[in-house]
Amino acid sequence: MSKKNVNDEKREDLNDINQTENEVTEEINNEQQISEDLSNEEKIKALEAEVAKYKDIMLRKAAEFENYKRRTETEQLNILKYAAESLIIKLLPTIDDLERSLSHMSEETDVQKIKEGIQLIYNNFMKTLDEQGVKKIESVGKPFNFEYHEALMQRPDDSVPPHTVLDELETGYIYKDHIIRYAKVIVSEE
């Protein structure tokens, strides 16, 4: 064999080796691609499962929040609906006293005892209101104050300074720090 033939054969062998190497590399790449595709599919399945899990958690939390919202709305409505319950419970003994007084009033002949009984009931009633934060506006003899009083008329009176409350036609009340009814008064003229 000549040198050329040997070199040609070596070249062919090298080409064959290169071609085989390329085929092996291509096959490895194909296998890697297949394994990547499989692992991608597995990853996709895992991610889909995770998405489903978080979606379920989110739906449960949304349902819990809706239940919480509904429950607090119901509680707030009940608070508003039954807000006066404690006051009413405290007024019941006064109502009982009034009923007892009314039932015994026809039997009683002493007017003074009836007055004393009514005064006790009134004092008890005012004490209950005071405990709840309701206070009377004291007006007679005080200077007229538009924040507390509503002047219905004026009357001349030289014994007091002008714009002094002479008489109270309807008592005013303050609930905590809020006027719930202005005192209707008669005021002295200048």
N, C-alpha and C. Protein backbone atom coordinates (compact mmCIF):
# COMPACT_ATOMS: atom_id res chain seq x y z
N MET A 1 0.82 -1.16 0.00
CA MET A 1 0.00 0.00 0.00
C MET A 1 0.86 1.22 0.00
N SER A 2 0.34 2.12 -0.65
CA SER A 2 1.10 3.35 -0.72
C SER A 2 0.73 4.24 0.43
N LYS A 3 1.56 5.22 0.56
CA LYS A 3 1.35 6.16 1.65
C LYS A 3 0.03 6.88 1.49
N LYS A 4 -0.31 7.16 0.26
CA LYS A 4 -1.54 7.88 0.02
C LYS A 4 -2.71 7.05 0.47
N ASN A 5 -2.68 5.82 0.16
CA ASN A 5 -3.77 4.94 0.50
C ASN A 5 -3.90 4.82 2.01
N VAL A 6 -2.77 4.74 2.68
CA VAL A 6 -2.79 4.61 4.13
C VAL A 6 -3.39 5.88 4.73
N ASN A 7 -2.96 7.01 4.23
CA ASN A 7 -3.48 8.27 4.74
C ASN A 7 -4.97 8.39 4.43
N ASP A 8 -5.32 7.95 3.24
CA ASP A 8 -6.73 8.01 2.88
C ASP A 8 -7.54 7.10 3.79
N GLU A 9 -6.99 5.94 4.05
CA GLU A 9 -7.69 5.01 4.94
C GLU A 9 -7.79 5.58 6.35
N LYS A 10 -6.70 6.22 6.77
CA LYS A 10 -6.72 6.83 8.11
C LYS A 10 -7.76 7.94 8.15
N ARG A 11 -7.78 8.72 7.05
CA ARG A 11 -8.76 9.79 6.97
C ARG A 11 -10.16 9.22 7.01
N GLU A 12 -10.39 8.16 6.27
CA GLU A 12 -11.70 7.54 6.23
C GLU A 12 -12.03 6.98 7.61
N ASP A 13 -11.03 6.37 8.24
CA ASP A 13 -11.25 5.86 9.59
C ASP A 13 -11.59 7.00 10.56
N LEU A 14 -10.85 8.09 10.37
CA LEU A 14 -11.10 9.26 11.21
C LEU A 14 -12.50 9.81 10.94
N ASN A 15 -12.86 9.85 9.69
CA ASN A 15 -14.20 10.33 9.33
C ASN A 15 -15.26 9.41 9.92
N ASP A 16 -14.97 8.10 9.80
CA ASP A 16 -15.91 7.13 10.37
C ASP A 16 -16.02 7.33 11.89
N ILE A 17 -14.88 7.54 12.52
CA ILE A 17 -14.87 7.75 13.97
C ILE A 17 -15.64 9.03 14.30
N ASN A 18 -15.34 10.09 13.54
CA ASN A 18 -16.04 11.36 13.76
C ASN A 18 -17.53 11.21 13.54
N GLN A 19 -17.86 10.48 12.49
CA GLN A 19 -19.28 10.28 12.19
C GLN A 19 -19.93 9.47 13.31
N THR A 20 -19.25 8.45 13.77
CA THR A 20 -19.76 7.64 14.87
C THR A 20 -19.89 8.49 16.14
N GLU A 21 -18.85 9.30 16.33
CA GLU A 21 -18.87 10.17 17.50
C GLU A 21 -20.05 11.14 17.40
N ASN A 22 -20.26 11.69 16.23
CA ASN A 22 -21.39 12.60 16.02
C ASN A 22 -22.71 11.88 16.24
N GLU A 23 -22.82 10.67 15.77
CA GLU A 23 -24.04 9.89 15.95
C GLU A 23 -24.27 9.61 17.43
N VAL A 24 -23.20 9.25 18.13
CA VAL A 24 -23.32 8.99 19.57
C VAL A 24 -23.70 10.27 20.31
N THR A 25 -23.06 11.36 19.96
CA THR A 25 -23.37 12.64 20.58
C THR A 25 -24.83 13.02 20.31
N GLU A 26 -25.23 12.81 19.03
CA GLU A 26 -26.61 13.12 18.67
C GLU A 26 -27.58 12.26 19.44
N GLU A 27 -27.24 10.98 19.59
CA GLU A 27 -28.10 10.08 20.34
C GLU A 27 -28.15 10.47 21.82
N ILE A 28 -27.00 10.84 22.36
CA ILE A 28 -26.95 11.30 23.77
C ILE A 28 -27.81 12.55 23.92
N ASN A 29 -27.65 13.47 22.96
CA ASN A 29 -28.46 14.69 22.99
C ASN A 29 -29.95 14.35 22.91
N ASN A 30 -30.29 13.40 22.03
CA ASN A 30 -31.70 12.98 21.91
C ASN A 30 -32.19 12.38 23.23
N GLU A 31 -31.35 11.54 23.82
CA GLU A 31 -31.74 10.94 25.10
C GLU A 31 -31.87 12.01 26.18
N GLN A 32 -30.93 12.98 26.17
CA GLN A 32 -31.02 14.07 27.14
C GLN A 32 -32.29 14.88 26.91
N GLN A 33 -32.57 15.11 25.62
CA GLN A 33 -33.78 15.87 25.29
C GLN A 33 -35.01 15.11 25.76
N ILE A 34 -35.02 13.79 25.52
CA ILE A 34 -36.14 12.96 25.97
C ILE A 34 -36.23 13.00 27.49
N SER A 35 -35.06 12.85 28.15
CA SER A 35 -35.09 12.88 29.62
C SER A 35 -35.48 14.28 30.11
N GLU A 36 -35.02 15.34 29.41
CA GLU A 36 -35.43 16.70 29.77
C GLU A 36 -36.93 16.86 29.55
N ASP A 37 -37.41 16.31 28.42
CA ASP A 37 -38.84 16.39 28.15
C ASP A 37 -39.62 15.67 29.25
N LEU A 38 -39.09 14.50 29.64
CA LEU A 38 -39.75 13.76 30.72
C LEU A 38 -39.67 14.55 32.02
N SER A 39 -38.49 15.09 32.32
CA SER A 39 -38.37 15.84 33.56
C SER A 39 -39.18 17.13 33.47
N ASN A 40 -39.28 17.73 32.29
CA ASN A 40 -40.14 18.90 32.13
C ASN A 40 -41.59 18.53 32.35
N GLU A 41 -42.00 17.39 31.83
CA GLU A 41 -43.37 16.93 32.05
C GLU A 41 -43.61 16.68 33.54
N GLU A 42 -42.61 16.07 34.17
CA GLU A 42 -42.73 15.82 35.61
C GLU A 42 -42.79 17.16 36.37
N LYS A 43 -41.94 18.11 35.93
CA LYS A 43 -41.94 19.43 36.56
C LYS A 43 -43.30 20.10 36.36
N ILE A 44 -43.82 19.99 35.13
CA ILE A 44 -45.12 20.59 34.83
C ILE A 44 -46.19 19.97 35.71
N LYS A 45 -46.17 18.66 35.84
CA LYS A 45 -47.15 17.98 36.68
C LYS A 45 -47.01 18.42 38.14
N ALA A 46 -45.76 18.52 38.58
CA ALA A 46 -45.52 18.95 39.97
C ALA A 46 -46.01 20.39 40.17
N LEU A 47 -45.70 21.25 39.20
CA LEU A 47 -46.14 22.64 39.31
C LEU A 47 -47.66 22.75 39.23
N GLU A 48 -48.29 21.96 38.36
CA GLU A 48 -49.75 21.96 38.28
C GLU A 48 -50.36 21.51 39.61
N ALA A 49 -49.74 20.49 40.22
CA ALA A 49 -50.23 20.02 41.52
C ALA A 49 -50.08 21.12 42.57
N GLU A 50 -48.94 21.82 42.52
CA GLU A 50 -48.71 22.91 43.48
C GLU A 50 -49.71 24.04 43.26
N VAL A 51 -49.97 24.39 41.98
CA VAL A 51 -50.96 25.42 41.66
C VAL A 51 -52.33 25.00 42.18
N ALA A 52 -52.69 23.75 41.97
CA ALA A 52 -53.98 23.25 42.45
C ALA A 52 -54.06 23.35 43.97
N LYS A 53 -52.95 23.03 44.64
CA LYS A 53 -52.91 23.09 46.11
C LYS A 53 -53.12 24.53 46.59
N TYR A 54 -52.40 25.49 45.98
CA TYR A 54 -52.53 26.89 46.38
C TYR A 54 -53.90 27.45 46.01
N LYS A 55 -54.43 27.00 44.90
CA LYS A 55 -55.77 27.43 44.51
C LYS A 55 -56.79 26.95 45.53
N ASP A 56 -56.64 25.71 46.00
CA ASP A 56 -57.53 25.17 47.03
C ASP A 56 -57.39 25.97 48.33
N ILE A 57 -56.15 26.26 48.71
CA ILE A 57 -55.92 27.05 49.93
C ILE A 57 -56.55 28.43 49.79
N MET A 58 -56.37 29.06 48.61
CA MET A 58 -56.92 30.38 48.39
C MET A 58 -58.45 30.35 48.44
N LEU A 59 -59.06 29.34 47.85
CA LEU A 59 -60.52 29.23 47.89
C LEU A 59 -61.02 29.03 49.32
N ARG A 60 -60.30 28.23 50.09
CA ARG A 60 -60.69 28.02 51.49
C ARG A 60 -60.58 29.31 52.28
N LYS A 61 -59.48 30.04 52.07
CA LYS A 61 -59.29 31.31 52.78
C LYS A 61 -60.36 32.32 52.37
N ALA A 62 -60.70 32.35 51.09
CA ALA A 62 -61.76 33.25 50.62
C ALA A 62 -63.09 32.89 51.29
N ALA A 63 -63.37 31.59 51.38
CA ALA A 63 -64.61 31.15 52.02
C ALA A 63 -64.60 31.49 53.51
N GLU A 64 -63.45 31.28 54.17
CA GLU A 64 -63.33 31.63 55.59
C GLU A 64 -63.55 33.14 55.79
N PHE A 65 -62.98 33.94 54.89
CA PHE A 65 -63.14 35.39 55.00
C PHE A 65 -64.59 35.79 54.80
N GLU A 66 -65.26 35.19 53.84
CA GLU A 66 -66.68 35.49 53.62
C GLU A 66 -67.50 35.12 54.86
N ASN A 67 -67.20 33.97 55.45
CA ASN A 67 -67.90 33.55 56.68
C ASN A 67 -67.63 34.54 57.81
N TYR A 68 -66.36 34.96 57.94
CA TYR A 68 -65.98 35.93 58.97
C TYR A 68 -66.73 37.24 58.75
N LYS A 69 -66.75 37.71 57.51
CA LYS A 69 -67.43 38.95 57.18
C LYS A 69 -68.92 38.86 57.50
N ARG A 70 -69.54 37.77 57.12
CA ARG A 70 -70.97 37.58 57.39
C ARG A 70 -71.23 37.53 58.89
N ARG A 71 -70.35 36.84 59.61
CA ARG A 71 -70.51 36.71 61.07
C ARG A 71 -70.37 38.08 61.76
N THR A 72 -69.37 38.88 61.35
CA THR A 72 -69.18 40.18 61.99
C THR A 72 -70.32 41.13 61.63
N GLU A 73 -70.83 41.04 60.40
CA GLU A 73 -71.98 41.88 60.03
C GLU A 73 -73.19 41.52 60.89
N THR A 74 -73.41 40.22 61.11
CA THR A 74 -74.52 39.78 61.94
C THR A 74 -74.34 40.27 63.38
N GLU A 75 -73.10 40.17 63.88
CA GLU A 75 -72.82 40.63 65.24
C GLU A 75 -73.06 42.13 65.36
N GLN A 76 -72.62 42.90 64.36
CA GLN A 76 -72.83 44.34 64.41
C GLN A 76 -74.32 44.69 64.35
N LEU A 77 -75.06 43.99 63.50
CA LEU A 77 -76.50 44.23 63.45
C LEU A 77 -77.16 43.90 64.77
N ASN A 78 -76.72 42.81 65.41
CA ASN A 78 -77.27 42.45 66.72
C ASN A 78 -76.90 43.47 67.78
N ILE A 79 -75.68 44.00 67.70
CA ILE A 79 -75.27 45.03 68.66
C ILE A 79 -76.18 46.25 68.52
N LEU A 80 -76.42 46.66 67.27
CA LEU A 80 -77.30 47.81 67.06
C LEU A 80 -78.74 47.48 67.45
N LYS A 81 -79.17 46.29 67.09
CA LYS A 81 -80.56 45.90 67.36
C LYS A 81 -80.83 45.83 68.86
N TYR A 82 -79.88 45.33 69.62
CA TYR A 82 -80.09 45.12 71.06
C TYR A 82 -79.27 46.09 71.92
N ALA A 83 -78.90 47.23 71.37
CA ALA A 83 -78.05 48.19 72.09
C ALA A 83 -78.71 48.70 73.37
N ALA A 84 -80.00 48.86 73.36
CA ALA A 84 -80.70 49.42 74.52
C ALA A 84 -81.05 48.36 75.56
N GLU A 85 -80.68 47.12 75.31
CA GLU A 85 -81.08 46.03 76.20
C GLU A 85 -80.63 46.26 77.64
N SER A 86 -79.39 46.65 77.85
CA SER A 86 -78.91 46.84 79.23
C SER A 86 -79.67 47.97 79.92
N LEU A 87 -79.99 49.04 79.20
CA LEU A 87 -80.78 50.13 79.80
C LEU A 87 -82.18 49.64 80.16
N ILE A 88 -82.79 48.90 79.27
CA ILE A 88 -84.14 48.40 79.52
C ILE A 88 -84.15 47.49 80.74
N ILE A 89 -83.15 46.64 80.85
CA ILE A 89 -83.05 45.74 82.00
C ILE A 89 -82.95 46.55 83.30
N LYS A 90 -82.20 47.65 83.26
CA LYS A 90 -82.06 48.48 84.45
C LYS A 90 -83.32 49.28 84.76
N LEU A 91 -84.15 49.52 83.73
CA LEU A 91 -85.40 50.26 83.95
C LEU A 91 -86.54 49.36 84.44
N LEU A 92 -86.42 48.08 84.27
CA LEU A 92 -87.50 47.17 84.66
C LEU A 92 -87.88 47.27 86.13
N PRO A 93 -86.93 47.39 87.07
CA PRO A 93 -87.35 47.56 88.47
C PRO A 93 -88.18 48.83 88.70
N THR A 94 -87.88 49.90 87.95
CA THR A 94 -88.67 51.13 88.07
C THR A 94 -90.08 50.90 87.57
N ILE A 95 -90.20 50.16 86.48
CA ILE A 95 -91.53 49.82 85.95
C ILE A 95 -92.29 48.98 86.97
N ASP A 96 -91.59 48.03 87.59
CA ASP A 96 -92.22 47.20 88.63
C ASP A 96 -92.73 48.07 89.77
N ASP A 97 -91.91 49.04 90.19
CA ASP A 97 -92.32 49.96 91.27
C ASP A 97 -93.55 50.75 90.87
N LEU A 98 -93.57 51.23 89.63
CA LEU A 98 -94.74 51.99 89.15
C LEU A 98 -95.99 51.11 89.14
N GLU A 99 -95.86 49.89 88.69
CA GLU A 99 -97.01 48.99 88.66
C GLU A 99 -97.54 48.72 90.07
N ARG A 100 -96.61 48.49 91.01
CA ARG A 100 -97.05 48.27 92.40
C ARG A 100 -97.76 49.51 92.96
N SER A 101 -97.20 50.67 92.66
CA SER A 101 -97.82 51.91 93.14
C SER A 101 -99.20 52.09 92.55
N LEU A 102 -99.34 51.84 91.26
CA LEU A 102 -100.65 51.98 90.62
C LEU A 102 -101.66 50.99 91.19
N SER A 103 -101.21 49.78 91.49
CA SER A 103 -102.15 48.79 92.01
C SER A 103 -102.60 49.12 93.43
N HIS A 104 -101.75 49.82 94.21
CA HIS A 104 -102.10 50.17 95.58
C HIS A 104 -102.69 51.58 95.69
N MET A 105 -102.68 52.33 94.62
CA MET A 105 -103.12 53.73 94.67
C MET A 105 -104.60 53.85 95.02
N SER A 106 -105.43 52.96 94.53
CA SER A 106 -106.87 53.06 94.82
C SER A 106 -107.16 52.72 96.28
N GLU A 107 -106.30 51.93 96.90
CA GLU A 107 -106.50 51.55 98.31
C GLU A 107 -106.00 52.64 99.26
N GLU A 108 -104.98 53.40 98.84
CA GLU A 108 -104.34 54.38 99.71
C GLU A 108 -105.17 55.66 99.79
N THR A 109 -105.34 56.16 101.01
CA THR A 109 -106.12 57.38 101.21
C THR A 109 -105.21 58.57 101.56
N ASP A 110 -104.00 58.27 101.99
CA ASP A 110 -103.07 59.33 102.38
C ASP A 110 -102.30 59.82 101.14
N VAL A 111 -102.61 61.03 100.72
CA VAL A 111 -101.99 61.61 99.52
C VAL A 111 -100.48 61.79 99.72
N GLN A 112 -100.06 62.08 100.93
CA GLN A 112 -98.64 62.29 101.21
C GLN A 112 -97.85 61.01 100.94
N LYS A 113 -98.41 59.85 101.31
CA LYS A 113 -97.73 58.58 101.06
C LYS A 113 -97.63 58.31 99.56
N ILE A 114 -98.66 58.68 98.82
CA ILE A 114 -98.63 58.51 97.36
C ILE A 114 -97.53 59.39 96.76
N LYS A 115 -97.46 60.64 97.24
CA LYS A 115 -96.41 61.54 96.76
C LYS A 115 -95.03 60.98 97.06
N GLU A 116 -94.84 60.48 98.27
CA GLU A 116 -93.54 59.92 98.66
C GLU A 116 -93.18 58.71 97.80
N GLY A 117 -94.16 57.88 97.52
CA GLY A 117 -93.92 56.71 96.67
C GLY A 117 -93.52 57.10 95.25
N ILE A 118 -94.25 58.08 94.71
CA ILE A 118 -93.92 58.56 93.36
C ILE A 118 -92.54 59.22 93.35
N GLN A 119 -92.21 59.96 94.40
CA GLN A 119 -90.89 60.59 94.49
C GLN A 119 -89.78 59.54 94.54
N LEU A 120 -90.00 58.46 95.29
CA LEU A 120 -89.01 57.38 95.35
C LEU A 120 -88.81 56.74 93.96
N ILE A 121 -89.92 56.50 93.27
CA ILE A 121 -89.82 55.92 91.93
C ILE A 121 -89.08 56.87 90.99
N TYR A 122 -89.41 58.16 91.07
CA TYR A 122 -88.74 59.17 90.23
C TYR A 122 -87.23 59.19 90.52
N ASN A 123 -86.88 59.20 91.81
CA ASN A 123 -85.46 59.22 92.19
C ASN A 123 -84.74 57.96 91.68
N ASN A 124 -85.40 56.83 91.79
CA ASN A 124 -84.81 55.57 91.30
C ASN A 124 -84.60 55.64 89.79
N PHE A 125 -85.60 56.17 89.09
CA PHE A 125 -85.53 56.31 87.64
C PHE A 125 -84.39 57.24 87.24
N MET A 126 -84.27 58.38 87.89
CA MET A 126 -83.21 59.35 87.57
C MET A 126 -81.83 58.78 87.90
N LYS A 127 -81.75 57.98 88.97
CA LYS A 127 -80.49 57.34 89.33
C LYS A 127 -80.06 56.37 88.22
N THR A 128 -81.01 55.61 87.71
CA THR A 128 -80.72 54.67 86.62
C THR A 128 -80.24 55.42 85.38
N LEU A 129 -80.90 56.51 85.04
CA LEU A 129 -80.48 57.30 83.88
C LEU A 129 -79.09 57.90 84.10
N ASP A 130 -78.85 58.37 85.33
CA ASP A 130 -77.54 58.95 85.66
C ASP A 130 -76.43 57.90 85.50
N GLU A 131 -76.69 56.68 85.93
CA GLU A 131 -75.71 55.59 85.78
C GLU A 131 -75.41 55.30 84.31
N GLN A 132 -76.37 55.58 83.45
CA GLN A 132 -76.20 55.35 82.00
C GLN A 132 -75.56 56.56 81.31
N GLY A 133 -75.34 57.64 82.04
CA GLY A 133 -74.70 58.82 81.45
C GLY A 133 -75.68 59.89 81.02
N VAL A 134 -76.95 59.77 81.42
CA VAL A 134 -77.96 60.79 81.08
C VAL A 134 -78.06 61.76 82.24
N LYS A 135 -77.87 63.04 81.94
CA LYS A 135 -77.91 64.08 82.97
C LYS A 135 -78.92 65.15 82.56
N LYS A 136 -79.58 65.71 83.58
CA LYS A 136 -80.50 66.83 83.37
C LYS A 136 -79.70 68.09 83.14
N ILE A 137 -80.21 68.95 82.28
CA ILE A 137 -79.60 70.28 82.11
C ILE A 137 -80.28 71.21 83.11
N GLU A 138 -79.50 71.68 84.06
CA GLU A 138 -80.03 72.62 85.05
C GLU A 138 -80.10 73.99 84.39
N SER A 139 -81.28 74.60 84.36
CA SER A 139 -81.46 75.82 83.58
C SER A 139 -81.92 77.03 84.38
N VAL A 140 -82.90 76.85 85.26
CA VAL A 140 -83.53 77.98 85.95
C VAL A 140 -82.48 78.74 86.76
N GLY A 141 -82.46 80.10 86.54
CA GLY A 141 -81.52 80.96 87.26
C GLY A 141 -80.17 81.07 86.57
N LYS A 142 -79.94 80.31 85.53
CA LYS A 142 -78.65 80.33 84.82
C LYS A 142 -78.77 81.25 83.60
N PRO A 143 -77.63 81.80 83.14
CA PRO A 143 -77.67 82.60 81.91
C PRO A 143 -78.08 81.73 80.72
N PHE A 144 -78.83 82.34 79.80
CA PHE A 144 -79.26 81.61 78.60
C PHE A 144 -78.03 81.20 77.80
N ASN A 145 -78.00 79.94 77.37
CA ASN A 145 -76.90 79.41 76.56
C ASN A 145 -77.52 78.63 75.40
N PHE A 146 -77.31 79.12 74.19
CA PHE A 146 -77.94 78.48 73.03
C PHE A 146 -77.45 77.04 72.81
N GLU A 147 -76.32 76.66 73.42
CA GLU A 147 -75.82 75.29 73.27
C GLU A 147 -76.65 74.29 74.10
N TYR A 148 -77.39 74.82 75.11
CA TYR A 148 -78.18 73.95 75.98
C TYR A 148 -79.67 74.28 75.98
N HIS A 149 -79.99 75.51 75.65
CA HIS A 149 -81.36 76.00 75.81
C HIS A 149 -81.99 76.36 74.47
N GLU A 150 -83.31 76.24 74.46
CA GLU A 150 -84.11 76.72 73.33
C GLU A 150 -85.11 77.71 73.93
N ALA A 151 -84.94 78.98 73.58
CA ALA A 151 -85.82 80.03 74.15
C ALA A 151 -87.14 80.03 73.40
N LEU A 152 -88.22 79.82 74.13
CA LEU A 152 -89.55 79.83 73.52
C LEU A 152 -90.19 81.20 73.59
N MET A 153 -89.81 81.95 74.63
CA MET A 153 -90.35 83.31 74.77
C MET A 153 -89.49 84.09 75.75
N GLN A 154 -89.72 85.42 75.75
CA GLN A 154 -89.04 86.29 76.70
C GLN A 154 -90.09 86.98 77.57
N ARG A 155 -89.68 87.26 78.79
CA ARG A 155 -90.59 87.89 79.73
C ARG A 155 -89.78 88.92 80.53
N PRO A 156 -90.35 90.10 80.76
CA PRO A 156 -89.61 91.10 81.55
C PRO A 156 -89.56 90.68 83.02
N ASP A 157 -88.38 90.84 83.61
CA ASP A 157 -88.21 90.52 85.04
C ASP A 157 -87.02 91.34 85.53
N ASP A 158 -87.28 92.27 86.43
CA ASP A 158 -86.22 93.15 86.94
C ASP A 158 -85.39 92.50 88.04
N SER A 159 -85.82 91.38 88.55
CA SER A 159 -85.10 90.77 89.68
C SER A 159 -83.87 89.97 89.23
N VAL A 160 -83.73 89.74 87.93
CA VAL A 160 -82.57 88.97 87.42
C VAL A 160 -81.94 89.73 86.26
N PRO A 161 -80.67 89.47 85.95
CA PRO A 161 -80.03 90.12 84.80
C PRO A 161 -80.71 89.69 83.49
N PRO A 162 -80.57 90.50 82.44
CA PRO A 162 -81.17 90.13 81.15
C PRO A 162 -80.60 88.80 80.65
N HIS A 163 -81.39 88.09 79.87
CA HIS A 163 -81.02 86.80 79.27
C HIS A 163 -80.73 85.72 80.31
N THR A 164 -81.49 85.76 81.38
CA THR A 164 -81.41 84.72 82.40
C THR A 164 -82.63 83.83 82.26
N VAL A 165 -82.45 82.53 82.45
CA VAL A 165 -83.56 81.58 82.34
C VAL A 165 -84.46 81.77 83.55
N LEU A 166 -85.73 82.12 83.27
CA LEU A 166 -86.71 82.34 84.34
C LEU A 166 -87.48 81.06 84.67
N ASP A 167 -87.80 80.33 83.63
CA ASP A 167 -88.64 79.14 83.84
C ASP A 167 -88.28 78.10 82.79
N GLU A 168 -88.50 76.87 83.16
CA GLU A 168 -88.19 75.75 82.26
C GLU A 168 -89.51 75.06 81.92
N LEU A 169 -89.87 75.06 80.63
CA LEU A 169 -91.11 74.43 80.20
C LEU A 169 -90.90 72.94 79.90
N GLU A 170 -89.72 72.61 79.46
CA GLU A 170 -89.39 71.20 79.19
C GLU A 170 -87.91 71.01 79.51
N THR A 171 -87.64 70.01 80.33
CA THR A 171 -86.27 69.75 80.77
C THR A 171 -85.42 69.24 79.61
N GLY A 172 -84.18 69.70 79.57
CA GLY A 172 -83.23 69.21 78.57
C GLY A 172 -82.33 68.14 79.18
N TYR A 173 -81.77 67.30 78.32
CA TYR A 173 -80.93 66.20 78.79
C TYR A 173 -79.67 66.08 77.94
N ILE A 174 -78.60 65.68 78.62
CA ILE A 174 -77.32 65.40 77.95
C ILE A 174 -77.04 63.92 78.13
N TYR A 175 -76.68 63.26 77.05
CA TYR A 175 -76.26 61.86 77.12
C TYR A 175 -74.76 61.82 76.90
N LYS A 176 -74.02 61.52 77.97
CA LYS A 176 -72.55 61.56 77.98
C LYS A 176 -72.10 62.96 77.60
N ASP A 177 -71.69 63.23 76.37
CA ASP A 177 -71.27 64.58 76.00
C ASP A 177 -72.09 65.13 74.84
N HIS A 178 -73.27 64.57 74.63
CA HIS A 178 -74.12 64.92 73.49
C HIS A 178 -75.50 65.37 73.99
N ILE A 179 -75.96 66.51 73.50
CA ILE A 179 -77.29 67.00 73.87
C ILE A 179 -78.32 66.12 73.16
N ILE A 180 -79.18 65.48 73.93
CA ILE A 180 -80.23 64.67 73.30
C ILE A 180 -81.57 65.41 73.27
N ARG A 181 -81.69 66.42 74.14
CA ARG A 181 -82.87 67.29 74.08
C ARG A 181 -82.52 68.62 74.73
N TYR A 182 -82.76 69.70 73.99
CA TYR A 182 -82.52 71.04 74.52
C TYR A 182 -83.61 71.40 75.52
N ALA A 183 -83.23 72.16 76.52
CA ALA A 183 -84.20 72.63 77.51
C ALA A 183 -85.00 73.77 76.89
N LYS A 184 -86.32 73.67 76.95
CA LYS A 184 -87.20 74.72 76.42
C LYS A 184 -87.49 75.68 77.58
N VAL A 185 -87.07 76.93 77.38
CA VAL A 185 -87.07 77.85 78.50
C VAL A 185 -87.73 79.19 78.16
N ILE A 186 -88.04 79.93 79.24
CA ILE A 186 -88.49 81.32 79.14
C ILE A 186 -87.34 82.17 79.68
N VAL A 187 -86.97 83.20 78.92
CA VAL A 187 -85.79 84.00 79.25
C VAL A 187 -86.20 85.43 79.58
N SER A 188 -85.45 86.07 80.48
CA SER A 188 -85.74 87.45 80.85
C SER A 188 -85.29 88.40 79.73
N GLU A 189 -86.11 89.46 79.54
CA GLU A 189 -85.79 90.47 78.51
C GLU A 189 -84.79 91.46 79.04
N GLU A 190 -84.21 92.23 78.11
CA GLU A 190 -83.30 93.32 78.52
C GLU A 190 -84.12 94.46 79.08
